[in-house]
Amino acid sequence: TVSGAFTKDVVRALCEGVDRPILLPLSNPTSRIEVMPHDA
């Protein structure tokens, strides 16, 4: 429930580690999601 916790740096580091990572930002409501899908 930490809004924006999956930052650009986190997402890019994730993709540098593996080709197709599974990314599941599951917190809700929208104000608490870790990353919005369009950003990810």
Full PDB file with SEQRES, HELIX, SHEET, SSBOND, CRYST1, ORIGX, SCALE, CONECT and MASTER records, all heavy atoms in Angstrom:
SEQRES   1 A   40  THR VAL SER GLY ALA PHE THR LYS ASP VAL VAL ARG ALA          
SEQRES   2 A   40  LEU CYS GLU GLY VAL ASP ARG PRO ILE LEU LEU PRO LEU          
SEQRES   3 A   40  SER ASN PRO THR SER ARG ILE GLU VAL MET PRO HIS ASP          
SEQRES   4 A   40  ALA                                                          
HELIX    1 AA1 LYS A    8  GLY A   17  1                                  10    
HELIX    2 AA2 THR A   30  ARG A   32  5                                   3    
CRYST1    1.000    1.000    1.000  90.00  90.00  90.00 P 1           1          
ORIGX1      1.000000  0.000000  0.000000        0.00000                         
ORIGX2      0.000000  1.000000  0.000000        0.00000                         
ORIGX3      0.000000  0.000000  1.000000        0.00000                         
SCALE1      1.000000  0.000000  0.000000        0.00000                         
SCALE2      0.000000  1.000000  0.000000        0.00000                         
SCALE3      0.000000  0.000000  1.000000        0.00000                         
ATOM      1  N   THR A   1       0.833  -1.223   0.000  1.00  0.00           N  
ATOM      2  CA  THR A   1       0.000   0.000   0.000  1.00  0.00           C  
ATOM      3  C   THR A   1       0.857   1.258   0.000  1.00  0.00           C  
ATOM      4  O   THR A   1       0.383   2.333   0.375  1.00  0.00           O  
ATOM      5  CB  THR A   1      -1.009   0.045   1.179  1.00  0.00           C  
ATOM      6  OG1 THR A   1      -0.315   0.214   2.422  1.00  0.00           O  
ATOM      7  CG2 THR A   1      -1.868  -1.202   1.207  1.00  0.00           C  
ATOM      8  N   VAL A   2       2.109   1.158  -0.440  1.00  0.00           N  
ATOM      9  CA  VAL A   2       2.996   2.325  -0.550  1.00  0.00           C  
ATOM     10  C   VAL A   2       2.931   2.830  -1.986  1.00  0.00           C  
ATOM     11  O   VAL A   2       3.520   2.242  -2.897  1.00  0.00           O  
ATOM     12  CB  VAL A   2       4.438   1.980  -0.158  1.00  0.00           C  
ATOM     13  CG1 VAL A   2       5.343   3.205  -0.325  1.00  0.00           C  
ATOM     14  CG2 VAL A   2       4.498   1.482   1.284  1.00  0.00           C  
ATOM     15  N   SER A   3       2.208   3.909  -2.195  1.00  0.00           N  
ATOM     16  CA  SER A   3       2.014   4.436  -3.546  1.00  0.00           C  
ATOM     17  C   SER A   3       3.344   4.794  -4.198  1.00  0.00           C  
ATOM     18  O   SER A   3       4.185   5.460  -3.595  1.00  0.00           O  
ATOM     19  CB  SER A   3       1.123   5.680  -3.484  1.00  0.00           C  
ATOM     20  OG  SER A   3       0.993   6.275  -4.752  1.00  0.00           O  
ATOM     21  N   GLY A   4       3.538   4.326  -5.434  1.00  0.00           N  
ATOM     22  CA  GLY A   4       4.727   4.683  -6.198  1.00  0.00           C  
ATOM     23  C   GLY A   4       5.995   3.999  -5.755  1.00  0.00           C  
ATOM     24  O   GLY A   4       7.096   4.388  -6.192  1.00  0.00           O  
ATOM     25  N   ALA A   5       5.913   2.960  -4.940  1.00  0.00           N  
ATOM     26  CA  ALA A   5       7.111   2.295  -4.433  1.00  0.00           C  
ATOM     27  C   ALA A   5       7.929   1.652  -5.546  1.00  0.00           C  
ATOM     28  O   ALA A   5       9.167   1.582  -5.459  1.00  0.00           O  
ATOM     29  CB  ALA A   5       6.733   1.242  -3.396  1.00  0.00           C  
ATOM     30  N   PHE A   6       7.267   1.187  -6.593  1.00  0.00           N  
ATOM     31  CA  PHE A   6       7.984   0.607  -7.732  1.00  0.00           C  
ATOM     32  C   PHE A   6       8.337   1.745  -8.694  1.00  0.00           C  
ATOM     33  O   PHE A   6       7.625   2.044  -9.657  1.00  0.00           O  
ATOM     34  CB  PHE A   6       7.129  -0.448  -8.431  1.00  0.00           C  
ATOM     35  CG  PHE A   6       6.841  -1.678  -7.597  1.00  0.00           C  
ATOM     36  CD1 PHE A   6       5.951  -2.643  -8.056  1.00  0.00           C  
ATOM     37  CD2 PHE A   6       7.443  -1.883  -6.371  1.00  0.00           C  
ATOM     38  CE1 PHE A   6       5.668  -3.774  -7.310  1.00  0.00           C  
ATOM     39  CE2 PHE A   6       7.173  -3.010  -5.601  1.00  0.00           C  
ATOM     40  CZ  PHE A   6       6.284  -3.956  -6.081  1.00  0.00           C  
ATOM     41  N   THR A   7       9.441   2.392  -8.409  1.00  0.00           N  
ATOM     42  CA  THR A   7       9.890   3.553  -9.178  1.00  0.00           C  
ATOM     43  C   THR A   7      10.462   3.128 -10.521  1.00  0.00           C  
ATOM     44  O   THR A   7      10.643   1.935 -10.796  1.00  0.00           O  
ATOM     45  CB  THR A   7      10.947   4.311  -8.384  1.00  0.00           C  
ATOM     46  OG1 THR A   7      12.090   3.440  -8.208  1.00  0.00           O  
ATOM     47  CG2 THR A   7      10.420   4.749  -7.018  1.00  0.00           C  
ATOM     48  N   LYS A   8      10.792   4.139 -11.334  1.00  0.00           N  
ATOM     49  CA  LYS A   8      11.434   3.841 -12.615  1.00  0.00           C  
ATOM     50  C   LYS A   8      12.733   3.069 -12.397  1.00  0.00           C  
ATOM     51  O   LYS A   8      13.033   2.104 -13.112  1.00  0.00           O  
ATOM     52  CB  LYS A   8      11.718   5.141 -13.371  1.00  0.00           C  
ATOM     53  CG  LYS A   8      12.381   4.907 -14.722  1.00  0.00           C  
ATOM     54  CD  LYS A   8      12.842   6.203 -15.364  1.00  0.00           C  
ATOM     55  CE  LYS A   8      11.675   7.072 -15.782  1.00  0.00           C  
ATOM     56  NZ  LYS A   8      12.113   8.262 -16.559  1.00  0.00           N  
ATOM     57  N   ASP A   9      13.497   3.453 -11.385  1.00  0.00           N  
ATOM     58  CA  ASP A   9      14.761   2.759 -11.106  1.00  0.00           C  
ATOM     59  C   ASP A   9      14.508   1.305 -10.724  1.00  0.00           C  
ATOM     60  O   ASP A   9      15.258   0.409 -11.143  1.00  0.00           O  
ATOM     61  CB  ASP A   9      15.526   3.465  -9.983  1.00  0.00           C  
ATOM     62  CG  ASP A   9      16.120   4.795 -10.423  1.00  0.00           C  
ATOM     63  OD1 ASP A   9      16.241   5.010 -11.646  1.00  0.00           O  
ATOM     64  OD2 ASP A   9      16.458   5.611  -9.542  1.00  0.00           O  
ATOM     65  N   VAL A  10      13.478   1.060  -9.927  1.00  0.00           N  
ATOM     66  CA  VAL A  10      13.172  -0.310  -9.513  1.00  0.00           C  
ATOM     67  C   VAL A  10      12.741  -1.146 -10.710  1.00  0.00           C  
ATOM     68  O   VAL A  10      13.216  -2.276 -10.903  1.00  0.00           O  
ATOM     69  CB  VAL A  10      12.077  -0.318  -8.423  1.00  0.00           C  
ATOM     70  CG1 VAL A  10      11.547  -1.733  -8.204  1.00  0.00           C  
ATOM     71  CG2 VAL A  10      12.615   0.248  -7.117  1.00  0.00           C  
ATOM     72  N   VAL A  11      11.863  -0.605 -11.530  1.00  0.00           N  
ATOM     73  CA  VAL A  11      11.366  -1.359 -12.686  1.00  0.00           C  
ATOM     74  C   VAL A  11      12.507  -1.639 -13.670  1.00  0.00           C  
ATOM     75  O   VAL A  11      12.625  -2.752 -14.198  1.00  0.00           O  
ATOM     76  CB  VAL A  11      10.216  -0.599 -13.377  1.00  0.00           C  
ATOM     77  CG1 VAL A  11       9.811  -1.285 -14.682  1.00  0.00           C  
ATOM     78  CG2 VAL A  11       9.014  -0.490 -12.445  1.00  0.00           C  
ATOM     79  N   ARG A  12      13.351  -0.661 -13.889  1.00  0.00           N  
ATOM     80  CA  ARG A  12      14.464  -0.875 -14.825  1.00  0.00           C  
ATOM     81  C   ARG A  12      15.484  -1.860 -14.260  1.00  0.00           C  
ATOM     82  O   ARG A  12      16.038  -2.678 -15.007  1.00  0.00           O  
ATOM     83  CB  ARG A  12      15.107   0.471 -15.168  1.00  0.00           C  
ATOM     84  CG  ARG A  12      14.194   1.312 -16.062  1.00  0.00           C  
ATOM     85  CD  ARG A  12      14.852   2.566 -16.571  1.00  0.00           C  
ATOM     86  NE  ARG A  12      13.999   3.214 -17.576  1.00  0.00           N  
ATOM     87  CZ  ARG A  12      14.239   4.392 -18.120  1.00  0.00           C  
ATOM     88  NH1 ARG A  12      15.318   5.088 -17.753  1.00  0.00           N  
ATOM     89  NH2 ARG A  12      13.423   4.893 -19.032  1.00  0.00           N  
ATOM     90  N   ALA A  13      15.733  -1.803 -12.953  1.00  0.00           N  
ATOM     91  CA  ALA A  13      16.634  -2.783 -12.346  1.00  0.00           C  
ATOM     92  C   ALA A  13      16.054  -4.185 -12.456  1.00  0.00           C  
ATOM     93  O   ALA A  13      16.783  -5.165 -12.684  1.00  0.00           O  
ATOM     94  CB  ALA A  13      16.878  -2.422 -10.881  1.00  0.00           C  
ATOM     95  N   LEU A  14      14.738  -4.290 -12.300  1.00  0.00           N  
ATOM     96  CA  LEU A  14      14.065  -5.580 -12.442  1.00  0.00           C  
ATOM     97  C   LEU A  14      14.283  -6.149 -13.834  1.00  0.00           C  
ATOM     98  O   LEU A  14      14.584  -7.334 -13.997  1.00  0.00           O  
ATOM     99  CB  LEU A  14      12.577  -5.387 -12.151  1.00  0.00           C  
ATOM    100  CG  LEU A  14      11.683  -6.624 -12.183  1.00  0.00           C  
ATOM    101  CD1 LEU A  14      12.021  -7.554 -11.019  1.00  0.00           C  
ATOM    102  CD2 LEU A  14      10.202  -6.213 -12.111  1.00  0.00           C  
ATOM    103  N   CYS A  15      14.144  -5.303 -14.844  1.00  0.00           N  
ATOM    104  CA  CYS A  15      14.285  -5.765 -16.233  1.00  0.00           C  
ATOM    105  C   CYS A  15      15.739  -6.018 -16.619  1.00  0.00           C  
ATOM    106  O   CYS A  15      15.999  -6.801 -17.546  1.00  0.00           O  
ATOM    107  CB  CYS A  15      13.650  -4.736 -17.175  1.00  0.00           C  
ATOM    108  SG  CYS A  15      11.859  -4.601 -16.997  1.00  0.00           S  
ATOM    109  N   GLU A  16      16.663  -5.375 -15.938  1.00  0.00           N  
ATOM    110  CA  GLU A  16      18.072  -5.671 -16.197  1.00  0.00           C  
ATOM    111  C   GLU A  16      18.457  -7.044 -15.670  1.00  0.00           C  
ATOM    112  O   GLU A  16      19.387  -7.684 -16.174  1.00  0.00           O  
ATOM    113  CB  GLU A  16      18.948  -4.598 -15.543  1.00  0.00           C  
ATOM    114  CG  GLU A  16      18.898  -3.259 -16.263  1.00  0.00           C  
ATOM    115  CD  GLU A  16      19.648  -2.167 -15.513  1.00  0.00           C  
ATOM    116  OE1 GLU A  16      20.262  -2.489 -14.458  1.00  0.00           O  
ATOM    117  OE2 GLU A  16      19.617  -1.006 -15.964  1.00  0.00           O  
ATOM    118  N   GLY A  17      17.715  -7.519 -14.658  1.00  0.00           N  
ATOM    119  CA  GLY A  17      18.031  -8.817 -14.067  1.00  0.00           C  
ATOM    120  C   GLY A  17      17.521  -9.988 -14.872  1.00  0.00           C  
ATOM    121  O   GLY A  17      18.191 -11.028 -14.958  1.00  0.00           O  
ATOM    122  N   VAL A  18      16.329  -9.847 -15.470  1.00  0.00           N  
ATOM    123  CA  VAL A  18      15.728 -10.921 -16.267  1.00  0.00           C  
ATOM    124  C   VAL A  18      15.012 -10.303 -17.463  1.00  0.00           C  
ATOM    125  O   VAL A  18      14.608  -9.147 -17.429  1.00  0.00           O  
ATOM    126  CB  VAL A  18      14.739 -11.763 -15.434  1.00  0.00           C  
ATOM    127  CG1 VAL A  18      15.464 -12.530 -14.340  1.00  0.00           C  
ATOM    128  CG2 VAL A  18      13.647 -10.904 -14.831  1.00  0.00           C  
ATOM    129  N   ASP A  19      14.830 -11.103 -18.502  1.00  0.00           N  
ATOM    130  CA  ASP A  19      14.237 -10.577 -19.732  1.00  0.00           C  
ATOM    131  C   ASP A  19      12.755 -10.245 -19.580  1.00  0.00           C  
ATOM    132  O   ASP A  19      12.293  -9.191 -20.037  1.00  0.00           O  
ATOM    133  CB  ASP A  19      14.414 -11.588 -20.872  1.00  0.00           C  
ATOM    134  CG  ASP A  19      15.864 -11.739 -21.291  1.00  0.00           C  
ATOM    135  OD1 ASP A  19      16.649 -10.795 -21.055  1.00  0.00           O  
ATOM    136  OD2 ASP A  19      16.207 -12.803 -21.839  1.00  0.00           O  
ATOM    137  N   ARG A  20      11.973 -11.152 -18.972  1.00  0.00           N  
ATOM    138  CA  ARG A  20      10.521 -10.964 -18.866  1.00  0.00           C  
ATOM    139  C   ARG A  20      10.087 -11.155 -17.408  1.00  0.00           C  
ATOM    140  O   ARG A  20       9.534 -12.189 -17.041  1.00  0.00           O  
ATOM    141  CB  ARG A  20       9.762 -11.942 -19.779  1.00  0.00           C  
ATOM    142  CG  ARG A  20      10.052 -11.849 -21.268  1.00  0.00           C  
ATOM    143  CD  ARG A  20       9.689 -10.504 -21.870  1.00  0.00           C  
ATOM    144  NE  ARG A  20       8.347 -10.026 -21.622  1.00  0.00           N  
ATOM    145  CZ  ARG A  20       7.270 -10.318 -22.370  1.00  0.00           C  
ATOM    146  NH1 ARG A  20       7.386 -11.154 -23.397  1.00  0.00           N  
ATOM    147  NH2 ARG A  20       6.092  -9.785 -22.110  1.00  0.00           N  
ATOM    148  N   PRO A  21      10.312 -10.189 -16.552  1.00  0.00           N  
ATOM    149  CA  PRO A  21       9.908 -10.334 -15.151  1.00  0.00           C  
ATOM    150  C   PRO A  21       8.389 -10.276 -15.004  1.00  0.00           C  
ATOM    151  O   PRO A  21       7.693  -9.620 -15.781  1.00  0.00           O  
ATOM    152  CB  PRO A  21      10.566  -9.127 -14.475  1.00  0.00           C  
ATOM    153  CG  PRO A  21      10.627  -8.090 -15.562  1.00  0.00           C  
ATOM    154  CD  PRO A  21      10.912  -8.867 -16.832  1.00  0.00           C  
ATOM    155  N   ILE A  22       7.899 -10.973 -13.990  1.00  0.00           N  
ATOM    156  CA  ILE A  22       6.483 -10.905 -13.628  1.00  0.00           C  
ATOM    157  C   ILE A  22       6.353  -9.838 -12.551  1.00  0.00           C  
ATOM    158  O   ILE A  22       6.953  -9.945 -11.477  1.00  0.00           O  
ATOM    159  CB  ILE A  22       5.976 -12.269 -13.134  1.00  0.00           C  
ATOM    160  CG1 ILE A  22       6.086 -13.308 -14.256  1.00  0.00           C  
ATOM    161  CG2 ILE A  22       4.535 -12.166 -12.639  1.00  0.00           C  
ATOM    162  CD1 ILE A  22       5.804 -14.732 -13.816  1.00  0.00           C  
ATOM    163  N   LEU A  23       5.573  -8.801 -12.835  1.00  0.00           N  
ATOM    164  CA  LEU A  23       5.463  -7.632 -11.959  1.00  0.00           C  
ATOM    165  C   LEU A  23       4.003  -7.491 -11.518  1.00  0.00           C  
ATOM    166  O   LEU A  23       3.118  -7.240 -12.343  1.00  0.00           O  
ATOM    167  CB  LEU A  23       5.926  -6.379 -12.700  1.00  0.00           C  
ATOM    168  CG  LEU A  23       5.863  -5.052 -11.947  1.00  0.00           C  
ATOM    169  CD1 LEU A  23       6.724  -5.090 -10.695  1.00  0.00           C  
ATOM    170  CD2 LEU A  23       6.301  -3.912 -12.849  1.00  0.00           C  
ATOM    171  N   LEU A  24       3.759  -7.638 -10.220  1.00  0.00           N  
ATOM    172  CA  LEU A  24       2.385  -7.666  -9.712  1.00  0.00           C  
ATOM    173  C   LEU A  24       2.202  -6.618  -8.614  1.00  0.00           C  
ATOM    174  O   LEU A  24       2.330  -6.914  -7.421  1.00  0.00           O  
ATOM    175  CB  LEU A  24       2.056  -9.061  -9.162  1.00  0.00           C  
ATOM    176  CG  LEU A  24       2.305 -10.244 -10.113  1.00  0.00           C  
ATOM    177  CD1 LEU A  24       2.035 -11.563  -9.411  1.00  0.00           C  
ATOM    178  CD2 LEU A  24       1.456 -10.121 -11.372  1.00  0.00           C  
ATOM    179  N   PRO A  25       1.894  -5.369  -8.981  1.00  0.00           N  
ATOM    180  CA  PRO A  25       1.562  -4.349  -7.985  1.00  0.00           C  
ATOM    181  C   PRO A  25       0.107  -4.507  -7.566  1.00  0.00           C  
ATOM    182  O   PRO A  25      -0.813  -4.089  -8.269  1.00  0.00           O  
ATOM    183  CB  PRO A  25       1.798  -3.040  -8.739  1.00  0.00           C  
ATOM    184  CG  PRO A  25       1.544  -3.380 -10.179  1.00  0.00           C  
ATOM    185  CD  PRO A  25       1.896  -4.825 -10.355  1.00  0.00           C  
ATOM    186  N   LEU A  26      -0.123  -5.112  -6.420  1.00  0.00           N  
ATOM    187  CA  LEU A  26      -1.460  -5.582  -6.057  1.00  0.00           C  
ATOM    188  C   LEU A  26      -2.190  -4.705  -5.053  1.00  0.00           C  
ATOM    189  O   LEU A  26      -3.351  -4.974  -4.738  1.00  0.00           O  
ATOM    190  CB  LEU A  26      -1.364  -7.012  -5.500  1.00  0.00           C  
ATOM    191  CG  LEU A  26      -0.808  -8.049  -6.477  1.00  0.00           C  
ATOM    192  CD1 LEU A  26      -0.656  -9.395  -5.781  1.00  0.00           C  
ATOM    193  CD2 LEU A  26      -1.698  -8.187  -7.697  1.00  0.00           C  
ATOM    194  N   SER A  27      -1.529  -3.676  -4.532  1.00  0.00           N  
ATOM    195  CA  SER A  27      -2.190  -2.849  -3.526  1.00  0.00           C  
ATOM    196  C   SER A  27      -3.340  -2.062  -4.141  1.00  0.00           C  
ATOM    197  O   SER A  27      -3.304  -1.664  -5.299  1.00  0.00           O  
ATOM    198  CB  SER A  27      -1.195  -1.885  -2.881  1.00  0.00           C  
ATOM    199  OG  SER A  27      -0.250  -2.585  -2.105  1.00  0.00           O  
ATOM    200  N   ASN A  28      -4.367  -1.848  -3.355  1.00  0.00           N  
ATOM    201  CA  ASN A  28      -5.494  -1.032  -3.772  1.00  0.00           C  
ATOM    202  C   ASN A  28      -5.967  -0.235  -2.567  1.00  0.00           C  
ATOM    203  O   ASN A  28      -5.622  -0.562  -1.430  1.00  0.00           O  
ATOM    204  CB  ASN A  28      -6.608  -1.901  -4.381  1.00  0.00           C  
ATOM    205  CG  ASN A  28      -7.143  -2.936  -3.390  1.00  0.00           C  
ATOM    206  OD1 ASN A  28      -7.844  -2.596  -2.442  1.00  0.00           O  
ATOM    207  ND2 ASN A  28      -6.809  -4.203  -3.602  1.00  0.00           N  
ATOM    208  N   PRO A  29      -6.708   0.858  -2.794  1.00  0.00           N  
ATOM    209  CA  PRO A  29      -7.217   1.381  -4.065  1.00  0.00           C  
ATOM    210  C   PRO A  29      -6.105   2.006  -4.917  1.00  0.00           C  
ATOM    211  O   PRO A  29      -4.925   1.892  -4.587  1.00  0.00           O  
ATOM    212  CB  PRO A  29      -8.244   2.421  -3.618  1.00  0.00           C  
ATOM    213  CG  PRO A  29      -7.719   2.900  -2.306  1.00  0.00           C  
ATOM    214  CD  PRO A  29      -7.117   1.700  -1.658  1.00  0.00           C  
ATOM    215  N   THR A  30      -6.514   2.701  -5.967  1.00  0.00           N  
ATOM    216  CA  THR A  30      -5.571   3.276  -6.920  1.00  0.00           C  
ATOM    217  C   THR A  30      -4.556   4.179  -6.234  1.00  0.00           C  
ATOM    218  O   THR A  30      -3.377   4.209  -6.620  1.00  0.00           O  
ATOM    219  CB  THR A  30      -6.332   4.060  -8.011  1.00  0.00           C  
ATOM    220  OG1 THR A  30      -7.246   3.169  -8.655  1.00  0.00           O  
ATOM    221  CG2 THR A  30      -5.386   4.650  -9.025  1.00  0.00           C  
ATOM    222  N   SER A  31      -4.983   4.887  -5.207  1.00  0.00           N  
ATOM    223  CA  SER A  31      -4.076   5.821  -4.523  1.00  0.00           C  
ATOM    224  C   SER A  31      -2.936   5.113  -3.811  1.00  0.00           C  
ATOM    225  O   SER A  31      -1.967   5.753  -3.397  1.00  0.00           O  
ATOM    226  CB  SER A  31      -4.860   6.658  -3.505  1.00  0.00           C  
ATOM    227  OG  SER A  31      -5.465   5.830  -2.518  1.00  0.00           O  
ATOM    228  N   ARG A  32      -3.013   3.775  -3.673  1.00  0.00           N  
ATOM    229  CA  ARG A  32      -1.991   3.042  -2.928  1.00  0.00           C  
ATOM    230  C   ARG A  32      -1.223   2.038  -3.777  1.00  0.00           C  
ATOM    231  O   ARG A  32      -0.371   1.308  -3.252  1.00  0.00           O  
ATOM    232  CB  ARG A  32      -2.636   2.320  -1.747  1.00  0.00           C  
ATOM    233  CG  ARG A  32      -3.322   3.274  -0.773  1.00  0.00           C  
ATOM    234  CD  ARG A  32      -3.715   2.592   0.510  1.00  0.00           C  
ATOM    235  NE  ARG A  32      -4.350   3.523   1.430  1.00  0.00           N  
ATOM    236  CZ  ARG A  32      -4.574   3.272   2.716  1.00  0.00           C  
ATOM    237  NH1 ARG A  32      -4.210   2.117   3.215  1.00  0.00           N  
ATOM    238  NH2 ARG A  32      -5.158   4.166   3.475  1.00  0.00           N  
ATOM    239  N   ILE A  33      -1.482   1.982  -5.082  1.00  0.00           N  
ATOM    240  CA  ILE A  33      -0.802   1.002  -5.919  1.00  0.00           C  
ATOM    241  C   ILE A  33       0.684   1.351  -6.048  1.00  0.00           C  
ATOM    242  O   ILE A  33       1.065   2.528  -6.097  1.00  0.00           O  
ATOM    243  CB  ILE A  33      -1.477   0.904  -7.305  1.00  0.00           C  
ATOM    244  CG1 ILE A  33      -0.952  -0.310  -8.068  1.00  0.00           C  
ATOM    245  CG2 ILE A  33      -1.298   2.180  -8.098  1.00  0.00           C  
ATOM    246  CD1 ILE A  33      -1.732  -0.594  -9.335  1.00  0.00           C  
ATOM    247  N   GLU A  34       1.515   0.314  -6.103  1.00  0.00           N  
ATOM    248  CA  GLU A  34       2.972   0.523  -6.134  1.00  0.00           C  
ATOM    249  C   GLU A  34       3.457   1.144  -7.439  1.00  0.00           C  
ATOM    250  O   GLU A  34       4.442   1.878  -7.448  1.00  0.00           O  
ATOM    251  CB  GLU A  34       3.697  -0.815  -5.903  1.00  0.00           C  
ATOM    252  CG  GLU A  34       3.640  -1.340  -4.494  1.00  0.00           C  
ATOM    253  CD  GLU A  34       2.350  -2.082  -4.168  1.00  0.00           C  
ATOM    254  OE1 GLU A  34       1.514  -2.283  -5.087  1.00  0.00           O  
ATOM    255  OE2 GLU A  34       2.167  -2.475  -2.995  1.00  0.00           O  
ATOM    256  N   VAL A  35       2.788   0.856  -8.543  1.00  0.00           N  
ATOM    257  CA  VAL A  35       3.118   1.488  -9.820  1.00  0.00           C  
ATOM    258  C   VAL A  35       1.906   1.358 -10.725  1.00  0.00           C  
ATOM    259  O   VAL A  35       1.229   0.329 -10.738  1.00  0.00           O  
ATOM    260  CB  VAL A  35       4.360   0.835 -10.480  1.00  0.00           C  
ATOM    261  CG1 VAL A  35       4.124  -0.635 -10.831  1.00  0.00           C  
ATOM    262  CG2 VAL A  35       4.800   1.611 -11.720  1.00  0.00           C  
ATOM    263  N   MET A  36       1.621   2.425 -11.464  1.00  0.00           N  
ATOM    264  CA  MET A  36       0.532   2.360 -12.429  1.00  0.00           C  
ATOM    265  C   MET A  36       0.987   1.566 -13.653  1.00  0.00           C  
ATOM    266  O   MET A  36       2.144   1.665 -14.070  1.00  0.00           O  
ATOM    267  CB  MET A  36       0.102   3.760 -12.827  1.00  0.00           C  
ATOM    268  CG  MET A  36      -0.587   4.528 -11.711  1.00  0.00           C  
ATOM    269  SD  MET A  36      -2.103   3.712 -11.124  1.00  0.00           S  
ATOM    270  CE  MET A  36      -3.159   3.863 -12.581  1.00  0.00           C  
ATOM    271  N   PRO A  37       0.084   0.773 -14.241  1.00  0.00           N  
ATOM    272  CA  PRO A  37       0.485  -0.087 -15.357  1.00  0.00           C  
ATOM    273  C   PRO A  37       1.120   0.653 -16.527  1.00  0.00           C  
ATOM    274  O   PRO A  37       2.091   0.162 -17.114  1.00  0.00           O  
ATOM    275  CB  PRO A  37      -0.831  -0.754 -15.766  1.00  0.00           C  
ATOM    276  CG  PRO A  37      -1.664  -0.720 -14.543  1.00  0.00           C  
ATOM    277  CD  PRO A  37      -1.314   0.538 -13.827  1.00  0.00           C  
ATOM    278  N   HIS A  38       0.589   1.840 -16.862  1.00  0.00           N  
ATOM    279  CA  HIS A  38       1.159   2.537 -18.032  1.00  0.00           C  
ATOM    280  C   HIS A  38       2.604   2.937 -17.773  1.00  0.00           C  
ATOM    281  O   HIS A  38       3.441   2.931 -18.688  1.00  0.00           O  
ATOM    282  CB  HIS A  38       0.302   3.749 -18.413  1.00  0.00           C  
ATOM    283  CG  HIS A  38       0.111   4.754 -17.319  1.00  0.00           C  
ATOM    284  ND1 HIS A  38       1.049   5.712 -17.019  1.00  0.00           N  
ATOM    285  CD2 HIS A  38      -0.920   4.946 -16.457  1.00  0.00           C  
ATOM    286  CE1 HIS A  38       0.602   6.457 -16.010  1.00  0.00           C  
ATOM    287  NE2 HIS A  38      -0.578   6.019 -15.647  1.00  0.00           N  
ATOM    288  N   ASP A  39       2.947   3.274 -16.519  1.00  0.00           N  
ATOM    289  CA  ASP A  39       4.339   3.583 -16.204  1.00  0.00           C  
ATOM    290  C   ASP A  39       5.205   2.332 -16.276  1.00  0.00           C  
ATOM    291  O   ASP A  39       6.318   2.354 -16.828  1.00  0.00           O  
ATOM    292  CB  ASP A  39       4.444   4.202 -14.807  1.00  0.00           C  
ATOM    293  CG  ASP A  39       3.910   5.621 -14.744  1.00  0.00           C  
ATOM    294  OD1 ASP A  39       3.987   6.328 -15.776  1.00  0.00           O  
ATOM    295  OD2 ASP A  39       3.427   6.029 -13.681  1.00  0.00           O  
ATOM    296  N   ALA A  40       4.709   1.239 -15.712  1.00  0.00           N  
ATOM    297  CA  ALA A  40       5.485   0.004 -15.706  1.00  0.00           C  
ATOM    298  C   ALA A  40       5.731  -0.505 -17.127  1.00  0.00           C  
ATOM    299  O   ALA A  40       6.838  -0.979 -17.445  1.00  0.00           O  
ATOM    300  CB  ALA A  40       4.762  -1.062 -14.895  1.00  0.00           C  
TER     301      ALA A  40                                                      
MASTER        0    0    0    2    0    0    0    6  300    1    0    4          
END                                                                             
